[in-house]
Amino acid sequence: MTATHNTNLIDEDEIIEIAYDLFLEGAMDNLEPADQLIFALQFEECGAAEIVPITDHWQMILTNELELKTLSEVVIGLAKTAEDELDDIFARILISRDPKKPFHHILWKN
């Protein structure tokens, strides 16, 4: 297959929305109650969901079947202020941007 199929990837804004929805679906079951409360109270003011370069966190999960160029890593968390970098990460989501090969995996805050 040629590389031209990559033009049909889900755009970054939409992949962030999808990842955030996945986060919200699983947060109650995977985050400590205190973290759920902190996130709920502070996300509006200093929270974000953003795409970051894919990190080494995924080496145990990644297989040859997954093409890195079709994946994005989305982090969801809080910063000290709206201008700061995220320093309290609640979830890292590896998600496929290829609509023909849906995949996601979430690493939750411990």
C-alpha atoms as a PDB file:
ATOM      1  CA  MET A   1       0.000   0.000   0.000  1.00  0.00           C
ATOM      2  CA  THR A   2       1.284   3.453  -0.810  1.00  0.00           C
ATOM      3  CA  ALA A   3       1.721   6.330   1.600  1.00  0.00           C
ATOM      4  CA  THR A   4      -1.181   8.216   0.021  1.00  0.00           C
ATOM      5  CA  HIS A   5      -3.625   6.528   2.422  1.00  0.00           C
ATOM      6  CA  ASN A   6      -2.243   8.762   5.193  1.00  0.00           C
ATOM      7  CA  THR A   7      -4.102  11.744   3.740  1.00  0.00           C
ATOM      8  CA  ASN A   8      -7.270  10.265   5.240  1.00  0.00           C
ATOM      9  CA  LEU A   9      -6.029  10.475   8.833  1.00  0.00           C
ATOM     10  CA  ILE A  10      -8.257  12.063  11.463  1.00  0.00           C
ATOM     11  CA  ASP A  11      -7.067  15.635  12.079  1.00  0.00           C
ATOM     12  CA  GLU A  12      -5.378  16.607  15.345  1.00  0.00           C
ATOM     13  CA  ASP A  13      -8.263  18.663  16.742  1.00  0.00           C
ATOM     14  CA  GLU A  14     -10.694  15.785  16.253  1.00  0.00           C
ATOM     15  CA  ILE A  15      -8.267  13.213  17.696  1.00  0.00           C
ATOM     16  CA  ILE A  16      -7.921  15.374  20.827  1.00  0.00           C
ATOM     17  CA  GLU A  17     -11.726  15.429  21.170  1.00  0.00           C
ATOM     18  CA  ILE A  18     -11.939  11.649  20.723  1.00  0.00           C
ATOM     19  CA  ALA A  19      -9.152  11.101  23.277  1.00  0.00           C
ATOM     20  CA  TYR A  20     -10.836  13.432  25.771  1.00  0.00           C
ATOM     21  CA  ASP A  21     -14.131  11.556  25.377  1.00  0.00           C
ATOM     22  CA  LEU A  22     -12.286   8.265  26.010  1.00  0.00           C
ATOM     23  CA  PHE A  23     -10.699   9.832  29.095  1.00  0.00           C
ATOM     24  CA  LEU A  24     -14.065  10.953  30.455  1.00  0.00           C
ATOM     25  CA  GLU A  25     -15.573   7.498  29.840  1.00  0.00           C
ATOM     26  CA  GLY A  26     -12.859   5.785  31.886  1.00  0.00           C
ATOM     27  CA  ALA A  27     -11.931   8.372  34.511  1.00  0.00           C
ATOM     28  CA  MET A  28     -14.429   7.214  37.160  1.00  0.00           C
ATOM     29  CA  ASP A  29     -13.103   3.650  37.025  1.00  0.00           C
ATOM     30  CA  ASN A  30      -9.398   4.425  36.693  1.00  0.00           C
ATOM     31  CA  LEU A  31      -8.599   7.541  38.716  1.00  0.00           C
ATOM     32  CA  GLU A  32      -8.523   7.856  42.485  1.00  0.00           C
ATOM     33  CA  PRO A  33     -11.525   9.782  43.894  1.00  0.00           C
ATOM     34  CA  ALA A  34      -9.251  12.641  45.006  1.00  0.00           C
ATOM     35  CA  ASP A  35      -7.821  12.964  41.483  1.00  0.00           C
ATOM     36  CA  GLN A  36     -11.320  12.925  40.012  1.00  0.00           C
ATOM     37  CA  LEU A  37     -12.291  15.801  42.292  1.00  0.00           C
ATOM     38  CA  ILE A  38      -9.136  17.835  41.599  1.00  0.00           C
ATOM     39  CA  PHE A  39      -9.573  17.343  37.868  1.00  0.00           C
ATOM     40  CA  ALA A  40     -13.263  18.310  37.935  1.00  0.00           C
ATOM     41  CA  LEU A  41     -12.607  21.457  39.979  1.00  0.00           C
ATOM     42  CA  GLN A  42      -9.540  22.693  38.082  1.00  0.00           C
ATOM     43  CA  PHE A  43      -9.840  21.514  34.469  1.00  0.00           C
ATOM     44  CA  GLU A  44     -11.889  24.486  33.283  1.00  0.00           C
ATOM     45  CA  GLU A  45      -9.296  26.937  34.607  1.00  0.00           C
ATOM     46  CA  CYS A  46      -5.950  25.226  34.012  1.00  0.00           C
ATOM     47  CA  GLY A  47      -6.525  21.879  32.332  1.00  0.00           C
ATOM     48  CA  ALA A  48      -5.756  20.756  28.825  1.00  0.00           C
ATOM     49  CA  ALA A  49      -5.727  17.868  26.428  1.00  0.00           C
ATOM     50  CA  GLU A  50      -2.887  18.159  23.939  1.00  0.00           C
ATOM     51  CA  ILE A  51      -0.901  16.130  21.459  1.00  0.00           C
ATOM     52  CA  VAL A  52       2.718  15.521  22.427  1.00  0.00           C
ATOM     53  CA  PRO A  53       5.543  13.640  20.689  1.00  0.00           C
ATOM     54  CA  ILE A  54       5.100   9.909  21.285  1.00  0.00           C
ATOM     55  CA  THR A  55       7.076   8.963  24.402  1.00  0.00           C
ATOM     56  CA  ASP A  56       8.816   5.772  25.515  1.00  0.00           C
ATOM     57  CA  HIS A  57       5.847   4.892  27.766  1.00  0.00           C
ATOM     58  CA  TRP A  58       4.429   2.844  24.893  1.00  0.00           C
ATOM     59  CA  GLN A  59       7.298   0.438  24.122  1.00  0.00           C
ATOM     60  CA  MET A  60       5.641  -2.487  25.917  1.00  0.00           C
ATOM     61  CA  ILE A  61       2.354  -1.920  24.059  1.00  0.00           C
ATOM     62  CA  LEU A  62       3.521  -1.112  20.556  1.00  0.00           C
ATOM     63  CA  THR A  63       3.723  -3.961  18.092  1.00  0.00           C
ATOM     64  CA  ASN A  64       4.780  -4.162  14.476  1.00  0.00           C
ATOM     65  CA  GLU A  65       1.094  -4.016  13.525  1.00  0.00           C
ATOM     66  CA  LEU A  66       0.862  -0.381  14.632  1.00  0.00           C
ATOM     67  CA  GLU A  67       2.372   2.270  12.399  1.00  0.00           C
ATOM     68  CA  LEU A  68       3.844   5.092  14.494  1.00  0.00           C
ATOM     69  CA  LYS A  69       3.125   7.638  11.777  1.00  0.00           C
ATOM     70  CA  THR A  70      -0.626   6.965  12.139  1.00  0.00           C
ATOM     71  CA  LEU A  71      -0.622   7.295  15.949  1.00  0.00           C
ATOM     72  CA  SER A  72      -0.807  10.293  18.255  1.00  0.00           C
ATOM     73  CA  GLU A  73      -0.151  10.592  21.964  1.00  0.00           C
ATOM     74  CA  VAL A  74      -2.590  12.828  23.798  1.00  0.00           C
ATOM     75  CA  VAL A  75      -1.934  13.876  27.387  1.00  0.00           C
ATOM     76  CA  ILE A  76      -4.688  15.139  29.642  1.00  0.00           C
ATOM     77  CA  GLY A  77      -3.840  17.013  32.789  1.00  0.00           C
ATOM     78  CA  LEU A  78      -3.522  20.212  34.746  1.00  0.00           C
ATOM     79  CA  ALA A  79      -0.976  23.017  34.892  1.00  0.00           C
ATOM     80  CA  LYS A  80      -0.255  25.390  37.782  1.00  0.00           C
ATOM     81  CA  THR A  81      -1.628  28.263  35.666  1.00  0.00           C
ATOM     82  CA  ALA A  82      -3.245  28.483  32.232  1.00  0.00           C
ATOM     83  CA  GLU A  83       0.099  29.596  30.734  1.00  0.00           C
ATOM     84  CA  ASP A  84       2.222  26.785  32.221  1.00  0.00           C
ATOM     85  CA  GLU A  85       3.062  23.351  30.840  1.00  0.00           C
ATOM     86  CA  LEU A  86       0.952  20.442  32.075  1.00  0.00           C
ATOM     87  CA  ASP A  87       2.634  19.138  35.221  1.00  0.00           C
ATOM     88  CA  ASP A  88      -0.074  16.870  36.641  1.00  0.00           C
ATOM     89  CA  ILE A  89      -0.851  14.256  33.973  1.00  0.00           C
ATOM     90  CA  PHE A  90      -4.019  12.233  34.592  1.00  0.00           C
ATOM     91  CA  ALA A  91      -3.845  10.117  31.438  1.00  0.00           C
ATOM     92  CA  ARG A  92      -1.655   9.425  28.415  1.00  0.00           C
ATOM     93  CA  ILE A  93      -3.630   8.150  25.457  1.00  0.00           C
ATOM     94  CA  LEU A  94      -2.071   6.481  22.454  1.00  0.00           C
ATOM     95  CA  ILE A  95      -4.647   6.691  19.689  1.00  0.00           C
ATOM     96  CA  SER A  96      -4.808   5.801  16.022  1.00  0.00           C
ATOM     97  CA  ARG A  97      -5.577   8.608  13.599  1.00  0.00           C
ATOM     98  CA  ASP A  98      -6.386   6.056  10.891  1.00  0.00           C
ATOM     99  CA  PRO A  99     -10.178   5.615  10.801  1.00  0.00           C
ATOM    100  CA  LYS A 100      -9.704   2.218   9.100  1.00  0.00           C
ATOM    101  CA  LYS A 101      -7.546   0.937  11.982  1.00  0.00           C
ATOM    102  CA  PRO A 102      -9.138   2.196  15.213  1.00  0.00           C
ATOM    103  CA  PHE A 103      -6.976   1.670  18.282  1.00  0.00           C
ATOM    104  CA  HIS A 104      -6.400   3.360  21.605  1.00  0.00           C
ATOM    105  CA  HIS A 105      -4.704   2.558  24.879  1.00  0.00           C
ATOM    106  CA  ILE A 106      -4.751   4.679  28.030  1.00  0.00           C
ATOM    107  CA  LEU A 107      -2.084   4.850  30.714  1.00  0.00           C
ATOM    108  CA  TRP A 108      -3.769   6.262  33.824  1.00  0.00           C
ATOM    109  CA  LYS A 109      -2.193   8.243  36.643  1.00  0.00           C
ATOM    110  CA  ASN A 110      -1.224   5.940  39.492  1.00  0.00           C
END
